[in-house]
C-alpha cells in the first residue's frame, strides 16, 4: 500500500470535519451525525493534530474555516460525496425506499425542514436524500427523483416546474442596503460558486443599481447554506433565494435588507422523475413535493 494512504487519518475524522464545515456549527453537525457535541469537537481536534494545522478559526459563538480548512473541505466534501454514492450504488435496492437527489443548499434549506411532515403523512416511506451539487444520472445511480436548478429552456424533458428563483438580501438584524452609507458598512455573505454567477452579490448590486457604492467587506462560502447560517448568526447580509429562506422570513429570524422587490434571474427548480415507472412510495413522495412546492410559491 502506498505510504500516502497509510498516513491518512481515520475516515470518521474527515466525516466529522465535513459535517462541521458545511454548517459552521458544531451543535448542528453533531445532531446530524447522531453523536454528542464534545465527541465531535474531539474528532476535529484529533484531525487538526494529525494534520499539524488549524482547520477552523474559533470565535465567540461562531466558526470560520482557515485557508487550510477551506482547501481540505473542497477536496474532502467532494471525496465523501463520491464515496457515499459509490457505496449506495452497490447496495441492493429496497422497494420501500425512495431516493431523491438535489443540491446541498436545496436539501438543507427546503427539503430537510419539511421531512417531518412527509414522515408523519407517509411513515411507510424510507427516504434516501442524495445531496450533491453534481447532476447525477438517475438511471445509473438508481435514483427515483431529482430536483434540478436551471432555466426553463434547459429543464429536462418531462420535468415539472416547482417554483422560480428570486433573490432578496436578508439579514438577522435591520439593515437598509438602499442607503449607500449602510451598504458601505455592510458585510456581504457571498456564495462562491463560479457555475452560478447570477447568485453572486456582484450581479444583484449591478441589477439593483447599487453597484456605485462599495460594501464594507465580503465573506465568501463554498456552500450556499453556509452563507444563510452565517446570516442567521448575525455575521452579515446574505443574498437570500426566496424559496429557500421564506420560512426564516416568516418566523422573523431573517428580515429583508432592502425595500426593492425580489430580483428574478430566469432560473427555477424542476422536479424530474426517472424514465422507468415510479413505485407507489416514490409516487407518494413526488405528489408530496408538488403539494409543498405549491404552498411555497403562494
C-alpha atoms as a PDB file:
ATOM      1  CA  UNK A   1       0.000   0.000   0.000  1.00  0.00           C
ATOM      2  CA  UNK A   2       1.393   3.485  -0.847  1.00  0.00           C
ATOM      3  CA  UNK A   3       2.758   5.336   2.222  1.00  0.00           C
ATOM      4  CA  UNK A   4       0.414   8.263   1.460  1.00  0.00           C
ATOM      5  CA  UNK A   5      -2.611   6.024   2.091  1.00  0.00           C
ATOM      6  CA  UNK A   6      -1.080   4.574   5.255  1.00  0.00           C
ATOM      7  CA  UNK A   7      -0.651   8.102   6.641  1.00  0.00           C
ATOM      8  CA  UNK A   8      -4.275   9.130   6.164  1.00  0.00           C
ATOM      9  CA  UNK A   9      -6.209   9.925   9.375  1.00  0.00           C
ATOM     10  CA  UNK A  10      -9.293   7.754  10.052  1.00  0.00           C
ATOM     11  CA  UNK A  11     -12.264   8.280   7.740  1.00  0.00           C
ATOM     12  CA  UNK A  12     -14.511   9.168  10.697  1.00  0.00           C
ATOM     13  CA  UNK A  13     -12.452  12.298  11.354  1.00  0.00           C
ATOM     14  CA  UNK A  14     -12.994  13.546   7.803  1.00  0.00           C
ATOM     15  CA  UNK A  15     -16.719  12.788   8.079  1.00  0.00           C
ATOM     16  CA  UNK A  16     -16.975  14.911  11.218  1.00  0.00           C
ATOM     17  CA  UNK A  17     -14.877  17.698   9.707  1.00  0.00           C
ATOM     18  CA  UNK A  18     -17.035  17.929   6.577  1.00  0.00           C
ATOM     19  CA  UNK A  19     -20.240  17.997   8.636  1.00  0.00           C
ATOM     20  CA  UNK A  20     -18.941  20.914  10.725  1.00  0.00           C
ATOM     21  CA  UNK A  21     -17.501  22.752   7.695  1.00  0.00           C
ATOM     22  CA  UNK A  22     -20.829  22.567   5.880  1.00  0.00           C
ATOM     23  CA  UNK A  23     -22.836  24.244   8.642  1.00  0.00           C
ATOM     24  CA  UNK A  24     -20.050  26.010  10.583  1.00  0.00           C
ATOM     25  CA  UNK A  25     -21.960  24.875  13.651  1.00  0.00           C
ATOM     26  CA  UNK A  26     -20.672  22.034  15.852  1.00  0.00           C
ATOM     27  CA  UNK A  27     -24.015  21.525  17.593  1.00  0.00           C
ATOM     28  CA  UNK A  28     -25.934  21.184  14.322  1.00  0.00           C
ATOM     29  CA  UNK A  29     -23.272  18.888  12.841  1.00  0.00           C
ATOM     30  CA  UNK A  30     -23.266  16.657  15.931  1.00  0.00           C
ATOM     31  CA  UNK A  31     -27.038  16.366  15.716  1.00  0.00           C
ATOM     32  CA  UNK A  32     -26.766  15.420  12.032  1.00  0.00           C
ATOM     33  CA  UNK A  33     -24.174  12.722  12.831  1.00  0.00           C
ATOM     34  CA  UNK A  34     -26.105  11.490  15.906  1.00  0.00           C
ATOM     35  CA  UNK A  35     -23.129  11.971  18.250  1.00  0.00           C
ATOM     36  CA  UNK A  36     -22.502  14.341  21.146  1.00  0.00           C
ATOM     37  CA  UNK A  37     -21.005  17.778  20.643  1.00  0.00           C
ATOM     38  CA  UNK A  38     -17.935  17.036  22.844  1.00  0.00           C
ATOM     39  CA  UNK A  39     -17.256  13.852  20.854  1.00  0.00           C
ATOM     40  CA  UNK A  40     -17.384  15.774  17.582  1.00  0.00           C
ATOM     41  CA  UNK A  41     -15.144  18.523  18.979  1.00  0.00           C
ATOM     42  CA  UNK A  42     -12.605  15.867  19.948  1.00  0.00           C
ATOM     43  CA  UNK A  43     -12.718  14.483  16.394  1.00  0.00           C
ATOM     44  CA  UNK A  44     -11.955  17.930  14.948  1.00  0.00           C
ATOM     45  CA  UNK A  45      -9.050  18.464  17.367  1.00  0.00           C
ATOM     46  CA  UNK A  46      -7.710  14.975  16.559  1.00  0.00           C
ATOM     47  CA  UNK A  47      -7.773  15.743  12.831  1.00  0.00           C
ATOM     48  CA  UNK A  48      -6.023  19.078  13.378  1.00  0.00           C
ATOM     49  CA  UNK A  49      -3.366  17.309  15.486  1.00  0.00           C
ATOM     50  CA  UNK A  50      -2.892  14.664  12.796  1.00  0.00           C
ATOM     51  CA  UNK A  51      -2.522  17.288  10.051  1.00  0.00           C
ATOM     52  CA  UNK A  52      -0.476  19.716  12.113  1.00  0.00           C
ATOM     53  CA  UNK A  53      -2.587  22.764  11.295  1.00  0.00           C
ATOM     54  CA  UNK A  54      -5.746  24.543  12.437  1.00  0.00           C
ATOM     55  CA  UNK A  55      -8.825  23.949  10.278  1.00  0.00           C
ATOM     56  CA  UNK A  56     -11.144  26.454  11.968  1.00  0.00           C
ATOM     57  CA  UNK A  57     -10.895  29.925  13.451  1.00  0.00           C
ATOM     58  CA  UNK A  58     -12.870  29.693  16.673  1.00  0.00           C
ATOM     59  CA  UNK A  59     -14.612  32.917  17.602  1.00  0.00           C
ATOM     60  CA  UNK A  60     -17.193  33.699  20.254  1.00  0.00           C
ATOM     61  CA  UNK A  61     -20.253  31.658  19.219  1.00  0.00           C
ATOM     62  CA  UNK A  62     -19.027  31.238  15.625  1.00  0.00           C
ATOM     63  CA  UNK A  63     -16.616  29.297  13.438  1.00  0.00           C
ATOM     64  CA  UNK A  64     -14.762  30.148  10.238  1.00  0.00           C
ATOM     65  CA  UNK A  65     -12.628  27.911   8.060  1.00  0.00           C
ATOM     66  CA  UNK A  66      -8.940  28.714   7.904  1.00  0.00           C
ATOM     67  CA  UNK A  67      -7.300  28.737   4.432  1.00  0.00           C
ATOM     68  CA  UNK A  68      -6.072  25.188   5.176  1.00  0.00           C
ATOM     69  CA  UNK A  69      -9.569  24.178   6.272  1.00  0.00           C
ATOM     70  CA  UNK A  70     -11.103  25.631   3.105  1.00  0.00           C
ATOM     71  CA  UNK A  71      -8.626  23.725   0.945  1.00  0.00           C
ATOM     72  CA  UNK A  72      -9.292  20.451   2.768  1.00  0.00           C
ATOM     73  CA  UNK A  73     -13.065  20.981   2.703  1.00  0.00           C
ATOM     74  CA  UNK A  74     -13.153  21.448  -1.079  1.00  0.00           C
ATOM     75  CA  UNK A  75     -11.437  18.078  -1.537  1.00  0.00           C
ATOM     76  CA  UNK A  76     -12.941  16.086   1.352  1.00  0.00           C
ATOM     77  CA  UNK A  77     -16.523  17.169   0.687  1.00  0.00           C
ATOM     78  CA  UNK A  78     -16.410  16.016  -2.932  1.00  0.00           C
ATOM     79  CA  UNK A  79     -14.479  12.855  -1.999  1.00  0.00           C
ATOM     80  CA  UNK A  80     -17.002  11.791   0.668  1.00  0.00           C
ATOM     81  CA  UNK A  81     -19.922  12.504  -1.673  1.00  0.00           C
ATOM     82  CA  UNK A  82     -18.398  10.312  -4.380  1.00  0.00           C
ATOM     83  CA  UNK A  83     -17.566   7.577  -1.879  1.00  0.00           C
ATOM     84  CA  UNK A  84     -21.099   7.635  -0.497  1.00  0.00           C
ATOM     85  CA  UNK A  85     -22.614   7.490  -3.961  1.00  0.00           C
ATOM     86  CA  UNK A  86     -20.408   4.523  -4.902  1.00  0.00           C
ATOM     87  CA  UNK A  87     -21.367   2.639  -1.731  1.00  0.00           C
ATOM     88  CA  UNK A  88     -25.082   3.321  -2.220  1.00  0.00           C
ATOM     89  CA  UNK A  89     -24.873   2.048  -5.804  1.00  0.00           C
ATOM     90  CA  UNK A  90     -23.510  -1.283  -4.516  1.00  0.00           C
ATOM     91  CA  UNK A  91     -26.328  -1.861  -2.028  1.00  0.00           C
ATOM     92  CA  UNK A  92     -29.346  -3.914  -3.117  1.00  0.00           C
ATOM     93  CA  UNK A  93     -32.450  -1.812  -3.745  1.00  0.00           C
ATOM     94  CA  UNK A  94     -35.358  -1.815  -1.302  1.00  0.00           C
ATOM     95  CA  UNK A  95     -38.833  -1.476  -2.878  1.00  0.00           C
ATOM     96  CA  UNK A  96     -39.997   0.656   0.071  1.00  0.00           C
ATOM     97  CA  UNK A  97     -37.017   3.004  -0.291  1.00  0.00           C
ATOM     98  CA  UNK A  98     -37.251   6.205  -2.319  1.00  0.00           C
ATOM     99  CA  UNK A  99     -34.112   8.044  -3.418  1.00  0.00           C
ATOM    100  CA  UNK A 100     -34.078  11.739  -4.308  1.00  0.00           C
ATOM    101  CA  UNK A 101     -31.116  13.863  -5.329  1.00  0.00           C
ATOM    102  CA  UNK A 102     -30.798  17.622  -5.182  1.00  0.00           C
ATOM    103  CA  UNK A 103     -28.233  20.296  -4.393  1.00  0.00           C
ATOM    104  CA  UNK A 104     -26.922  20.577  -0.857  1.00  0.00           C
ATOM    105  CA  UNK A 105     -28.490  24.041  -0.487  1.00  0.00           C
ATOM    106  CA  UNK A 106     -31.967  22.909  -1.536  1.00  0.00           C
ATOM    107  CA  UNK A 107     -31.702  19.786   0.604  1.00  0.00           C
ATOM    108  CA  UNK A 108     -30.614  21.686   3.726  1.00  0.00           C
ATOM    109  CA  UNK A 109     -32.937  24.697   3.437  1.00  0.00           C
ATOM    110  CA  UNK A 110     -36.068  23.416   1.702  1.00  0.00           C
ATOM    111  CA  UNK A 111     -36.306  19.630   1.826  1.00  0.00           C
ATOM    112  CA  UNK A 112     -34.935  18.643   5.242  1.00  0.00           C
ATOM    113  CA  UNK A 113     -37.000  21.145   7.305  1.00  0.00           C
ATOM    114  CA  UNK A 114     -40.164  19.666   5.761  1.00  0.00           C
ATOM    115  CA  UNK A 115     -39.299  15.973   6.138  1.00  0.00           C
ATOM    116  CA  UNK A 116     -41.156  15.684   9.441  1.00  0.00           C
ATOM    117  CA  UNK A 117     -44.401  16.346   7.604  1.00  0.00           C
ATOM    118  CA  UNK A 118     -43.586  13.699   4.981  1.00  0.00           C
ATOM    119  CA  UNK A 119     -42.742  11.135   7.666  1.00  0.00           C
ATOM    120  CA  UNK A 120     -45.967  11.925   9.523  1.00  0.00           C
ATOM    121  CA  UNK A 121     -48.073  11.624   6.390  1.00  0.00           C
ATOM    122  CA  UNK A 122     -46.268   8.604   4.902  1.00  0.00           C
ATOM    123  CA  UNK A 123     -44.484   6.696   7.711  1.00  0.00           C
ATOM    124  CA  UNK A 124     -44.086   3.703   5.387  1.00  0.00           C
ATOM    125  CA  UNK A 125     -41.676   5.619   3.121  1.00  0.00           C
ATOM    126  CA  UNK A 126     -37.935   5.077   3.639  1.00  0.00           C
ATOM    127  CA  UNK A 127     -36.408   8.183   2.041  1.00  0.00           C
ATOM    128  CA  UNK A 128     -32.776   8.469   0.946  1.00  0.00           C
ATOM    129  CA  UNK A 129     -31.615  12.026   0.239  1.00  0.00           C
ATOM    130  CA  UNK A 130     -28.547  12.279  -2.010  1.00  0.00           C
ATOM    131  CA  UNK A 131     -27.374  15.884  -1.570  1.00  0.00           C
ATOM    132  CA  UNK A 132     -24.907  16.622  -4.334  1.00  0.00           C
ATOM    133  CA  UNK A 133     -24.076  19.713  -6.367  1.00  0.00           C
ATOM    134  CA  UNK A 134     -23.247  17.436  -9.287  1.00  0.00           C
ATOM    135  CA  UNK A 135     -26.001  16.433 -11.711  1.00  0.00           C
ATOM    136  CA  UNK A 136     -26.391  12.688 -11.174  1.00  0.00           C
ATOM    137  CA  UNK A 137     -27.721  10.209 -13.719  1.00  0.00           C
ATOM    138  CA  UNK A 138     -30.950   8.843 -12.211  1.00  0.00           C
ATOM    139  CA  UNK A 139     -30.850   5.517 -14.036  1.00  0.00           C
ATOM    140  CA  UNK A 140     -27.191   4.759 -13.410  1.00  0.00           C
ATOM    141  CA  UNK A 141     -27.335   5.847  -9.748  1.00  0.00           C
ATOM    142  CA  UNK A 142     -30.678   4.081  -9.051  1.00  0.00           C
ATOM    143  CA  UNK A 143     -32.375   7.340  -8.011  1.00  0.00           C
ATOM    144  CA  UNK A 144     -36.126   7.888  -8.325  1.00  0.00           C
ATOM    145  CA  UNK A 145     -36.481  11.677  -8.219  1.00  0.00           C
ATOM    146  CA  UNK A 146     -34.359  14.788  -8.644  1.00  0.00           C
ATOM    147  CA  UNK A 147     -34.819  18.499  -8.123  1.00  0.00           C
ATOM    148  CA  UNK A 148     -32.889  20.329 -10.842  1.00  0.00           C
ATOM    149  CA  UNK A 149     -31.951  24.014 -10.852  1.00  0.00           C
ATOM    150  CA  UNK A 150     -31.832  25.592 -14.312  1.00  0.00           C
ATOM    151  CA  UNK A 151     -33.532  27.997 -16.752  1.00  0.00           C
ATOM    152  CA  UNK A 152     -36.770  26.764 -18.350  1.00  0.00           C
ATOM    153  CA  UNK A 153     -35.066  26.122 -21.695  1.00  0.00           C
ATOM    154  CA  UNK A 154     -32.623  23.710 -20.022  1.00  0.00           C
ATOM    155  CA  UNK A 155     -35.192  21.778 -17.986  1.00  0.00           C
ATOM    156  CA  UNK A 156     -35.120  18.033 -18.768  1.00  0.00           C
ATOM    157  CA  UNK A 157     -37.935  16.520 -20.794  1.00  0.00           C
ATOM    158  CA  UNK A 158     -40.903  15.735 -18.567  1.00  0.00           C
ATOM    159  CA  UNK A 159     -39.682  17.975 -15.713  1.00  0.00           C
ATOM    160  CA  UNK A 160     -42.354  19.730 -13.644  1.00  0.00           C
ATOM    161  CA  UNK A 161     -41.709  23.303 -12.537  1.00  0.00           C
ATOM    162  CA  UNK A 162     -41.796  23.751  -8.761  1.00  0.00           C
ATOM    163  CA  UNK A 163     -41.122  27.494  -8.428  1.00  0.00           C
ATOM    164  CA  UNK A 164     -38.924  30.246  -9.829  1.00  0.00           C
ATOM    165  CA  UNK A 165     -35.778  31.727  -8.341  1.00  0.00           C
ATOM    166  CA  UNK A 166     -35.964  35.231  -6.865  1.00  0.00           C
ATOM    167  CA  UNK A 167     -33.220  36.942  -4.876  1.00  0.00           C
ATOM    168  CA  UNK A 168     -33.687  39.165  -1.832  1.00  0.00           C
ATOM    169  CA  UNK A 169     -30.953  40.435   0.533  1.00  0.00           C
ATOM    170  CA  UNK A 170     -31.613  39.193   4.076  1.00  0.00           C
ATOM    171  CA  UNK A 171     -30.046  39.600   7.500  1.00  0.00           C
ATOM    172  CA  UNK A 172     -30.861  38.792  11.106  1.00  0.00           C
ATOM    173  CA  UNK A 173     -30.951  42.479  12.082  1.00  0.00           C
ATOM    174  CA  UNK A 174     -32.359  45.577  10.392  1.00  0.00           C
ATOM    175  CA  UNK A 175     -30.091  46.732   7.536  1.00  0.00           C
ATOM    176  CA  UNK A 176     -31.058  49.005   4.637  1.00  0.00           C
ATOM    177  CA  UNK A 177     -28.835  48.379   1.629  1.00  0.00           C
ATOM    178  CA  UNK A 178     -30.746  51.080  -0.262  1.00  0.00           C
ATOM    179  CA  UNK A 179     -28.820  53.548   1.908  1.00  0.00           C
ATOM    180  CA  UNK A 180     -25.299  53.909   0.413  1.00  0.00           C
ATOM    181  CA  UNK A 181     -23.853  54.646   3.860  1.00  0.00           C
ATOM    182  CA  UNK A 182     -25.262  51.407   5.316  1.00  0.00           C
ATOM    183  CA  UNK A 183     -24.171  49.438   2.242  1.00  0.00           C
ATOM    184  CA  UNK A 184     -20.690  50.861   2.731  1.00  0.00           C
ATOM    185  CA  UNK A 185     -20.603  49.405   6.254  1.00  0.00           C
ATOM    186  CA  UNK A 186     -22.304  46.100   5.473  1.00  0.00           C
ATOM    187  CA  UNK A 187     -20.619  42.708   5.429  1.00  0.00           C
ATOM    188  CA  UNK A 188     -21.932  40.778   2.405  1.00  0.00           C
ATOM    189  CA  UNK A 189     -22.029  36.978   2.673  1.00  0.00           C
ATOM    190  CA  UNK A 190     -21.416  35.645  -0.835  1.00  0.00           C
ATOM    191  CA  UNK A 191     -21.971  32.167  -2.315  1.00  0.00           C
ATOM    192  CA  UNK A 192     -18.664  31.435  -4.034  1.00  0.00           C
ATOM    193  CA  UNK A 193     -19.848  29.270  -6.932  1.00  0.00           C
ATOM    194  CA  UNK A 194     -18.381  30.134 -10.377  1.00  0.00           C
ATOM    195  CA  UNK A 195     -21.048  27.962 -12.039  1.00  0.00           C
ATOM    196  CA  UNK A 196     -23.822  30.332 -10.915  1.00  0.00           C
ATOM    197  CA  UNK A 197     -22.656  33.964 -11.313  1.00  0.00           C
ATOM    198  CA  UNK A 198     -26.249  35.251 -11.098  1.00  0.00           C
ATOM    199  CA  UNK A 199     -26.282  34.169  -7.434  1.00  0.00           C
ATOM    200  CA  UNK A 200     -23.310  36.411  -6.639  1.00  0.00           C
ATOM    201  CA  UNK A 201     -23.660  39.761  -4.927  1.00  0.00           C
ATOM    202  CA  UNK A 202     -21.960  41.454  -7.879  1.00  0.00           C
ATOM    203  CA  UNK A 203     -24.955  40.620 -10.094  1.00  0.00           C
ATOM    204  CA  UNK A 204     -27.533  41.859  -7.578  1.00  0.00           C
ATOM    205  CA  UNK A 205     -25.626  45.092  -6.975  1.00  0.00           C
ATOM    206  CA  UNK A 206     -25.473  45.807 -10.722  1.00  0.00           C
ATOM    207  CA  UNK A 207     -29.106  44.857 -11.345  1.00  0.00           C
ATOM    208  CA  UNK A 208     -30.350  46.962  -8.410  1.00  0.00           C
ATOM    209  CA  UNK A 209     -28.289  49.993  -9.349  1.00  0.00           C
ATOM    210  CA  UNK A 210     -26.362  49.821  -6.093  1.00  0.00           C
ATOM    211  CA  UNK A 211     -23.022  48.935  -7.681  1.00  0.00           C
ATOM    212  CA  UNK A 212     -21.883  52.558  -7.396  1.00  0.00           C
ATOM    213  CA  UNK A 213     -21.470  52.038  -3.644  1.00  0.00           C
ATOM    214  CA  UNK A 214     -18.854  49.680  -2.268  1.00  0.00           C
ATOM    215  CA  UNK A 215     -19.805  47.240   0.517  1.00  0.00           C
ATOM    216  CA  UNK A 216     -17.717  47.247   3.671  1.00  0.00           C
ATOM    217  CA  UNK A 217     -16.485  43.645   3.359  1.00  0.00           C
ATOM    218  CA  UNK A 218     -17.317  40.397   1.566  1.00  0.00           C
ATOM    219  CA  UNK A 219     -17.132  36.913   3.107  1.00  0.00           C
ATOM    220  CA  UNK A 220     -17.325  34.008   0.659  1.00  0.00           C
ATOM    221  CA  UNK A 221     -18.681  30.489   1.215  1.00  0.00           C
ATOM    222  CA  UNK A 222     -18.421  27.394  -0.958  1.00  0.00           C
ATOM    223  CA  UNK A 223     -21.833  26.083   0.195  1.00  0.00           C
ATOM    224  CA  UNK A 224     -24.959  28.239  -0.039  1.00  0.00           C
ATOM    225  CA  UNK A 225     -26.382  27.015   3.257  1.00  0.00           C
ATOM    226  CA  UNK A 226     -23.203  28.269   4.979  1.00  0.00           C
ATOM    227  CA  UNK A 227     -23.978  31.819   3.852  1.00  0.00           C
ATOM    228  CA  UNK A 228     -27.515  31.556   5.252  1.00  0.00           C
ATOM    229  CA  UNK A 229     -26.307  30.061   8.544  1.00  0.00           C
ATOM    230  CA  UNK A 230     -23.842  32.929   8.817  1.00  0.00           C
ATOM    231  CA  UNK A 231     -26.639  35.457   8.218  1.00  0.00           C
ATOM    232  CA  UNK A 232     -28.758  33.761  10.891  1.00  0.00           C
ATOM    233  CA  UNK A 233     -25.806  34.074  13.288  1.00  0.00           C
ATOM    234  CA  UNK A 234     -25.677  37.829  12.653  1.00  0.00           C
ATOM    235  CA  UNK A 235     -22.435  37.920  10.670  1.00  0.00           C
ATOM    236  CA  UNK A 236     -23.732  39.921   7.715  1.00  0.00           C
ATOM    237  CA  UNK A 237     -26.200  40.129   4.836  1.00  0.00           C
ATOM    238  CA  UNK A 238     -26.809  37.111   2.581  1.00  0.00           C
ATOM    239  CA  UNK A 239     -28.384  37.113  -0.854  1.00  0.00           C
ATOM    240  CA  UNK A 240     -31.484  35.115   0.002  1.00  0.00           C
ATOM    241  CA  UNK A 241     -33.024  32.744  -2.516  1.00  0.00           C
ATOM    242  CA  UNK A 242     -36.621  33.495  -1.659  1.00  0.00           C
ATOM    243  CA  UNK A 243     -37.999  29.957  -1.977  1.00  0.00           C
ATOM    244  CA  UNK A 244     -35.288  28.661   0.361  1.00  0.00           C
ATOM    245  CA  UNK A 245     -35.262  31.405   3.015  1.00  0.00           C
ATOM    246  CA  UNK A 246     -39.027  32.049   3.096  1.00  0.00           C
ATOM    247  CA  UNK A 247     -39.564  30.190   6.412  1.00  0.00           C
ATOM    248  CA  UNK A 248     -36.823  32.273   8.077  1.00  0.00           C
ATOM    249  CA  UNK A 249     -38.555  35.451   6.880  1.00  0.00           C
ATOM    250  CA  UNK A 250     -41.941  34.195   8.078  1.00  0.00           C
ATOM    251  CA  UNK A 251     -40.533  33.396  11.533  1.00  0.00           C
ATOM    252  CA  UNK A 252     -38.659  36.702  11.819  1.00  0.00           C
ATOM    253  CA  UNK A 253     -35.254  35.018  12.082  1.00  0.00           C
ATOM    254  CA  UNK A 254     -34.299  36.909   8.932  1.00  0.00           C
ATOM    255  CA  UNK A 255     -35.591  40.233   7.613  1.00  0.00           C
ATOM    256  CA  UNK A 256     -35.358  41.885   4.195  1.00  0.00           C
ATOM    257  CA  UNK A 257     -32.365  44.213   3.897  1.00  0.00           C
ATOM    258  CA  UNK A 258     -33.897  46.284   1.090  1.00  0.00           C
ATOM    259  CA  UNK A 259     -37.244  47.757   0.092  1.00  0.00           C
ATOM    260  CA  UNK A 260     -36.693  46.668  -3.510  1.00  0.00           C
ATOM    261  CA  UNK A 261     -38.782  43.870  -4.963  1.00  0.00           C
ATOM    262  CA  UNK A 262     -37.179  40.389  -5.158  1.00  0.00           C
ATOM    263  CA  UNK A 263     -34.996  40.050  -8.233  1.00  0.00           C
ATOM    264  CA  UNK A 264     -35.946  37.242 -10.682  1.00  0.00           C
ATOM    265  CA  UNK A 265     -32.975  35.733 -12.528  1.00  0.00           C
ATOM    266  CA  UNK A 266     -34.663  33.394 -15.011  1.00  0.00           C
ATOM    267  CA  UNK A 267     -33.835  30.186 -13.155  1.00  0.00           C
ATOM    268  CA  UNK A 268     -36.232  27.770 -11.490  1.00  0.00           C
ATOM    269  CA  UNK A 269     -36.488  24.497  -9.603  1.00  0.00           C
ATOM    270  CA  UNK A 270     -37.772  21.481 -11.522  1.00  0.00           C
ATOM    271  CA  UNK A 271     -38.883  18.045 -10.338  1.00  0.00           C
ATOM    272  CA  UNK A 272     -37.583  15.212 -12.508  1.00  0.00           C
ATOM    273  CA  UNK A 273     -38.578  11.544 -12.353  1.00  0.00           C
ATOM    274  CA  UNK A 274     -36.610   8.557 -13.605  1.00  0.00           C
ATOM    275  CA  UNK A 275     -37.602   7.172 -17.002  1.00  0.00           C
ATOM    276  CA  UNK A 276     -38.879   3.872 -15.569  1.00  0.00           C
ATOM    277  CA  UNK A 277     -42.325   3.948 -13.876  1.00  0.00           C
ATOM    278  CA  UNK A 278     -42.206   5.096 -10.265  1.00  0.00           C
ATOM    279  CA  UNK A 279     -43.163   2.735  -7.460  1.00  0.00           C
ATOM    280  CA  UNK A 280     -46.057   3.537  -5.149  1.00  0.00           C
ATOM    281  CA  UNK A 281     -43.880   5.162  -2.473  1.00  0.00           C
ATOM    282  CA  UNK A 282     -41.896   7.210  -4.990  1.00  0.00           C
ATOM    283  CA  UNK A 283     -45.198   8.412  -6.427  1.00  0.00           C
ATOM    284  CA  UNK A 284     -46.280   9.491  -2.939  1.00  0.00           C
ATOM    285  CA  UNK A 285     -43.067  11.448  -2.410  1.00  0.00           C
ATOM    286  CA  UNK A 286     -43.460  13.090  -5.824  1.00  0.00           C
ATOM    287  CA  UNK A 287     -47.033  14.154  -5.050  1.00  0.00           C
ATOM    288  CA  UNK A 288     -45.985  15.480  -1.643  1.00  0.00           C
ATOM    289  CA  UNK A 289     -43.164  17.589  -3.125  1.00  0.00           C
ATOM    290  CA  UNK A 290     -45.531  19.088  -5.713  1.00  0.00           C
ATOM    291  CA  UNK A 291     -48.028  19.930  -2.983  1.00  0.00           C
ATOM    292  CA  UNK A 292     -45.415  21.580  -0.729  1.00  0.00           C
ATOM    293  CA  UNK A 293     -43.933  23.464  -3.722  1.00  0.00           C
ATOM    294  CA  UNK A 294     -47.363  24.952  -4.451  1.00  0.00           C
ATOM    295  CA  UNK A 295     -47.519  26.179  -0.855  1.00  0.00           C
ATOM    296  CA  UNK A 296     -44.015  27.660  -1.169  1.00  0.00           C
ATOM    297  CA  UNK A 297     -44.966  29.599  -4.287  1.00  0.00           C
ATOM    298  CA  UNK A 298     -48.121  31.009  -2.683  1.00  0.00           C
END
